[in-house]
């Protein structure tokens, strides 16, 4: 009985590991660092560091980038959108 329980628990943990990427958060700009975009750079992230502004999720390459972005979210977002649209038209 105990052996069956341990096997079931181990199988559950194993399957949860596969489900985790499916639960990963996705942000605007294809998960690129929003502050990097505001500075004219492309930096891909896994969106583990993220923040919300005006109901949307934005990804960051570091906590420092997120803090910098949140100091002026409207201004930084305008710069990020301008840069992103120049590199990714349409």
N, C-alpha and C. Protein backbone atom coordinates (compact mmCIF):
# COMPACT_ATOMS: atom_id res chain seq x y z
N UNK A 1 0.82 -1.19 0.00
CA UNK A 1 0.00 0.00 0.00
C UNK A 1 0.86 1.26 0.00
N UNK A 2 1.86 1.30 0.88
CA UNK A 2 2.73 2.47 0.95
C UNK A 2 3.51 2.62 -0.36
N UNK A 3 3.95 1.51 -0.92
CA UNK A 3 4.71 1.53 -2.16
C UNK A 3 3.85 2.10 -3.30
N UNK A 4 2.58 1.75 -3.36
CA UNK A 4 1.67 2.26 -4.38
C UNK A 4 1.48 3.76 -4.21
N UNK A 5 1.35 4.21 -2.98
CA UNK A 5 1.19 5.64 -2.70
C UNK A 5 2.41 6.42 -3.16
N UNK A 6 3.59 5.91 -2.87
CA UNK A 6 4.83 6.59 -3.26
C UNK A 6 4.95 6.65 -4.78
N UNK A 7 4.61 5.56 -5.46
CA UNK A 7 4.66 5.56 -6.92
C UNK A 7 3.68 6.58 -7.50
N UNK A 8 2.49 6.65 -6.94
CA UNK A 8 1.48 7.61 -7.41
C UNK A 8 1.94 9.05 -7.19
N UNK A 9 2.51 9.29 -6.03
CA UNK A 9 2.99 10.64 -5.72
C UNK A 9 4.13 11.02 -6.65
N UNK A 10 5.05 10.09 -6.90
CA UNK A 10 6.17 10.35 -7.80
C UNK A 10 5.67 10.61 -9.22
N UNK A 11 4.68 9.86 -9.67
CA UNK A 11 4.11 10.07 -11.00
C UNK A 11 3.45 11.44 -11.09
N UNK A 12 2.76 11.85 -10.04
CA UNK A 12 2.12 13.16 -10.02
C UNK A 12 3.12 14.30 -10.12
N UNK A 13 4.21 14.18 -9.37
CA UNK A 13 5.27 15.19 -9.41
C UNK A 13 5.88 15.23 -10.80
N UNK A 14 6.11 14.10 -11.40
CA UNK A 14 6.69 14.01 -12.74
C UNK A 14 5.77 14.68 -13.76
N UNK A 15 4.48 14.40 -13.70
CA UNK A 15 3.53 14.99 -14.64
C UNK A 15 3.39 16.49 -14.42
N UNK A 16 3.45 16.95 -13.19
CA UNK A 16 3.38 18.37 -12.89
C UNK A 16 4.54 19.11 -13.54
N UNK A 17 5.69 18.48 -13.57
CA UNK A 17 6.86 19.07 -14.23
C UNK A 17 6.60 19.34 -15.69
N UNK A 18 5.86 18.48 -16.36
CA UNK A 18 5.53 18.69 -17.76
C UNK A 18 4.45 19.74 -17.93
N UNK A 19 3.60 19.90 -16.96
CA UNK A 19 2.50 20.86 -17.07
C UNK A 19 2.97 22.28 -16.79
N UNK A 20 4.04 22.46 -16.06
CA UNK A 20 4.51 23.78 -15.66
C UNK A 20 4.74 24.71 -16.85
N UNK A 21 5.42 24.29 -17.93
CA UNK A 21 5.59 25.20 -19.05
C UNK A 21 4.25 25.63 -19.66
N UNK A 22 3.26 24.78 -19.62
CA UNK A 22 1.96 25.14 -20.17
C UNK A 22 1.30 26.23 -19.32
N UNK A 23 1.66 26.32 -18.05
CA UNK A 23 1.10 27.32 -17.16
C UNK A 23 1.92 28.61 -17.16
N UNK A 24 3.00 28.63 -17.90
CA UNK A 24 3.88 29.79 -17.91
C UNK A 24 3.13 31.02 -18.42
N UNK A 25 3.49 32.15 -17.86
CA UNK A 25 2.86 33.40 -18.21
C UNK A 25 3.43 33.94 -19.52
N UNK A 26 2.58 34.53 -20.33
CA UNK A 26 3.02 35.16 -21.57
C UNK A 26 2.67 36.64 -21.50
N UNK A 27 3.61 37.46 -21.96
CA UNK A 27 3.41 38.90 -21.91
C UNK A 27 3.37 39.53 -23.29
N UNK A 28 3.21 40.82 -23.26
CA UNK A 28 3.20 41.61 -24.49
C UNK A 28 4.58 41.57 -25.15
N UNK A 29 4.63 41.94 -26.39
CA UNK A 29 5.88 42.04 -27.15
C UNK A 29 6.60 40.70 -27.28
N UNK A 30 5.85 39.62 -27.36
CA UNK A 30 6.46 38.31 -27.54
C UNK A 30 7.40 37.91 -26.43
N UNK A 31 7.08 38.31 -25.22
CA UNK A 31 7.87 38.00 -24.01
C UNK A 31 9.24 38.66 -23.99
N UNK A 32 9.44 39.70 -24.77
CA UNK A 32 10.71 40.43 -24.70
C UNK A 32 10.69 41.39 -23.52
N UNK A 33 11.87 41.72 -23.02
CA UNK A 33 11.98 42.65 -21.90
C UNK A 33 11.48 44.02 -22.34
N UNK A 34 10.43 44.50 -21.70
CA UNK A 34 9.81 45.77 -22.09
C UNK A 34 10.75 46.94 -21.87
N UNK A 35 11.54 46.91 -20.81
CA UNK A 35 12.48 48.00 -20.56
C UNK A 35 13.60 47.99 -21.58
N UNK A 36 14.05 46.82 -21.97
CA UNK A 36 15.09 46.74 -23.02
C UNK A 36 14.54 47.33 -24.32
N UNK A 37 13.30 47.01 -24.65
CA UNK A 37 12.69 47.58 -25.86
C UNK A 37 12.62 49.11 -25.76
N UNK A 38 12.29 49.63 -24.58
CA UNK A 38 12.25 51.07 -24.38
C UNK A 38 13.62 51.70 -24.60
N UNK A 39 14.68 50.93 -24.38
CA UNK A 39 16.05 51.39 -24.58
C UNK A 39 16.60 51.01 -25.96
N UNK A 40 15.72 50.51 -26.85
CA UNK A 40 16.14 50.19 -28.21
C UNK A 40 16.90 48.89 -28.36
N UNK A 41 16.60 47.92 -27.51
CA UNK A 41 17.29 46.62 -27.55
C UNK A 41 16.27 45.49 -27.54
N UNK A 42 16.64 44.37 -28.16
CA UNK A 42 15.82 43.16 -28.12
C UNK A 42 16.42 42.19 -27.11
N UNK A 43 15.68 41.89 -26.06
CA UNK A 43 16.14 40.94 -25.04
C UNK A 43 14.98 39.98 -24.77
N UNK A 44 15.12 38.74 -25.20
CA UNK A 44 14.09 37.72 -24.98
C UNK A 44 14.12 37.26 -23.53
N UNK A 45 12.94 37.05 -22.94
CA UNK A 45 12.84 36.58 -21.56
C UNK A 45 11.95 35.34 -21.50
N UNK A 46 11.94 34.70 -20.35
CA UNK A 46 10.99 33.60 -20.13
C UNK A 46 9.77 34.11 -19.34
N UNK A 47 9.74 35.40 -19.10
CA UNK A 47 8.63 36.11 -18.44
C UNK A 47 8.41 35.68 -16.98
N UNK A 48 9.44 35.15 -16.34
CA UNK A 48 9.30 34.83 -14.92
C UNK A 48 9.28 36.11 -14.09
N UNK A 49 9.94 37.16 -14.57
CA UNK A 49 9.86 38.47 -13.93
C UNK A 49 8.91 39.28 -14.77
N UNK A 50 7.79 39.66 -14.19
CA UNK A 50 6.77 40.36 -14.96
C UNK A 50 6.00 41.32 -14.08
N UNK A 51 5.32 42.23 -14.74
CA UNK A 51 4.48 43.18 -14.03
C UNK A 51 3.28 43.53 -14.88
N UNK A 52 2.26 44.05 -14.23
CA UNK A 52 1.04 44.41 -14.94
C UNK A 52 0.91 45.92 -14.97
N UNK A 53 0.42 46.40 -16.11
CA UNK A 53 0.14 47.82 -16.27
C UNK A 53 -1.02 47.94 -17.23
N UNK A 54 -2.04 48.67 -16.81
CA UNK A 54 -3.25 48.87 -17.61
C UNK A 54 -3.85 47.55 -18.10
N UNK A 55 -3.85 46.55 -17.22
CA UNK A 55 -4.48 45.27 -17.51
C UNK A 55 -3.70 44.33 -18.40
N UNK A 56 -2.46 44.67 -18.74
CA UNK A 56 -1.64 43.80 -19.58
C UNK A 56 -0.38 43.40 -18.82
N UNK A 57 0.17 42.25 -19.22
CA UNK A 57 1.37 41.73 -18.57
C UNK A 57 2.59 42.06 -19.42
N UNK A 58 3.63 42.57 -18.76
CA UNK A 58 4.88 42.91 -19.43
C UNK A 58 6.01 42.12 -18.77
N UNK A 59 6.92 41.61 -19.59
CA UNK A 59 8.03 40.78 -19.12
C UNK A 59 9.29 41.63 -18.98
N UNK A 60 10.17 41.18 -18.09
CA UNK A 60 11.42 41.90 -17.85
C UNK A 60 12.57 40.92 -17.69
N UNK A 61 13.75 41.37 -18.08
CA UNK A 61 14.94 40.54 -17.99
C UNK A 61 15.53 40.50 -16.58
N UNK A 62 15.14 41.46 -15.74
CA UNK A 62 15.63 41.50 -14.36
C UNK A 62 14.67 42.33 -13.51
N UNK A 63 14.80 42.20 -12.21
CA UNK A 63 13.97 43.00 -11.30
C UNK A 63 14.32 44.48 -11.43
N UNK A 64 15.59 44.75 -11.70
CA UNK A 64 16.01 46.14 -11.88
C UNK A 64 15.32 46.76 -13.09
N UNK A 65 15.21 46.00 -14.18
CA UNK A 65 14.54 46.49 -15.39
C UNK A 65 13.07 46.76 -15.08
N UNK A 66 12.44 45.89 -14.31
CA UNK A 66 11.04 46.10 -13.95
C UNK A 66 10.88 47.35 -13.09
N UNK A 67 11.77 47.55 -12.13
CA UNK A 67 11.72 48.73 -11.27
C UNK A 67 11.90 50.00 -12.09
N UNK A 68 12.85 49.95 -13.02
CA UNK A 68 13.10 51.10 -13.88
C UNK A 68 11.87 51.41 -14.75
N UNK A 69 11.26 50.38 -15.30
CA UNK A 69 10.07 50.55 -16.12
C UNK A 69 8.94 51.18 -15.31
N UNK A 70 8.71 50.67 -14.09
CA UNK A 70 7.60 51.13 -13.27
C UNK A 70 7.79 52.55 -12.74
N UNK A 71 8.99 53.10 -12.86
CA UNK A 71 9.21 54.49 -12.46
C UNK A 71 8.46 55.45 -13.39
N UNK A 72 8.29 55.06 -14.66
CA UNK A 72 7.53 55.85 -15.64
C UNK A 72 6.91 54.89 -16.65
N UNK A 73 5.91 54.11 -16.24
CA UNK A 73 5.38 53.09 -17.13
C UNK A 73 4.80 53.64 -18.43
N UNK A 74 4.10 54.74 -18.39
CA UNK A 74 3.51 55.29 -19.62
C UNK A 74 4.58 55.72 -20.61
N UNK A 75 5.57 56.44 -20.13
CA UNK A 75 6.66 56.90 -21.00
C UNK A 75 7.49 55.75 -21.54
N UNK A 76 7.83 54.81 -20.67
CA UNK A 76 8.63 53.67 -21.11
C UNK A 76 7.86 52.78 -22.07
N UNK A 77 6.57 52.63 -21.83
CA UNK A 77 5.75 51.81 -22.71
C UNK A 77 5.64 52.45 -24.10
N UNK A 78 5.52 53.77 -24.15
CA UNK A 78 5.47 54.46 -25.44
C UNK A 78 6.77 54.23 -26.22
N UNK A 79 7.91 54.32 -25.54
CA UNK A 79 9.20 54.06 -26.20
C UNK A 79 9.30 52.62 -26.66
N UNK A 80 8.86 51.69 -25.80
CA UNK A 80 8.92 50.26 -26.15
C UNK A 80 8.05 49.97 -27.37
N UNK A 81 6.85 50.53 -27.40
CA UNK A 81 5.95 50.31 -28.54
C UNK A 81 6.54 50.86 -29.83
N UNK A 82 7.12 52.04 -29.75
CA UNK A 82 7.72 52.66 -30.94
C UNK A 82 8.85 51.79 -31.48
N UNK A 83 9.74 51.35 -30.60
CA UNK A 83 10.85 50.51 -31.04
C UNK A 83 10.35 49.18 -31.57
N UNK A 84 9.45 48.54 -30.84
CA UNK A 84 8.96 47.21 -31.24
C UNK A 84 8.25 47.27 -32.60
N UNK A 85 7.44 48.30 -32.81
CA UNK A 85 6.72 48.39 -34.09
C UNK A 85 7.66 48.68 -35.24
N UNK A 86 8.80 49.32 -34.98
CA UNK A 86 9.78 49.56 -36.05
C UNK A 86 10.50 48.27 -36.45
N UNK A 87 10.64 47.35 -35.51
CA UNK A 87 11.33 46.08 -35.77
C UNK A 87 10.36 44.97 -36.17
N UNK A 88 9.12 45.10 -35.76
CA UNK A 88 8.10 44.06 -36.01
C UNK A 88 6.85 44.71 -36.61
N UNK A 89 6.93 45.23 -37.82
CA UNK A 89 5.75 45.90 -38.39
C UNK A 89 4.59 44.94 -38.62
N UNK A 90 3.41 45.50 -38.51
CA UNK A 90 2.21 44.70 -38.80
C UNK A 90 1.63 44.12 -37.62
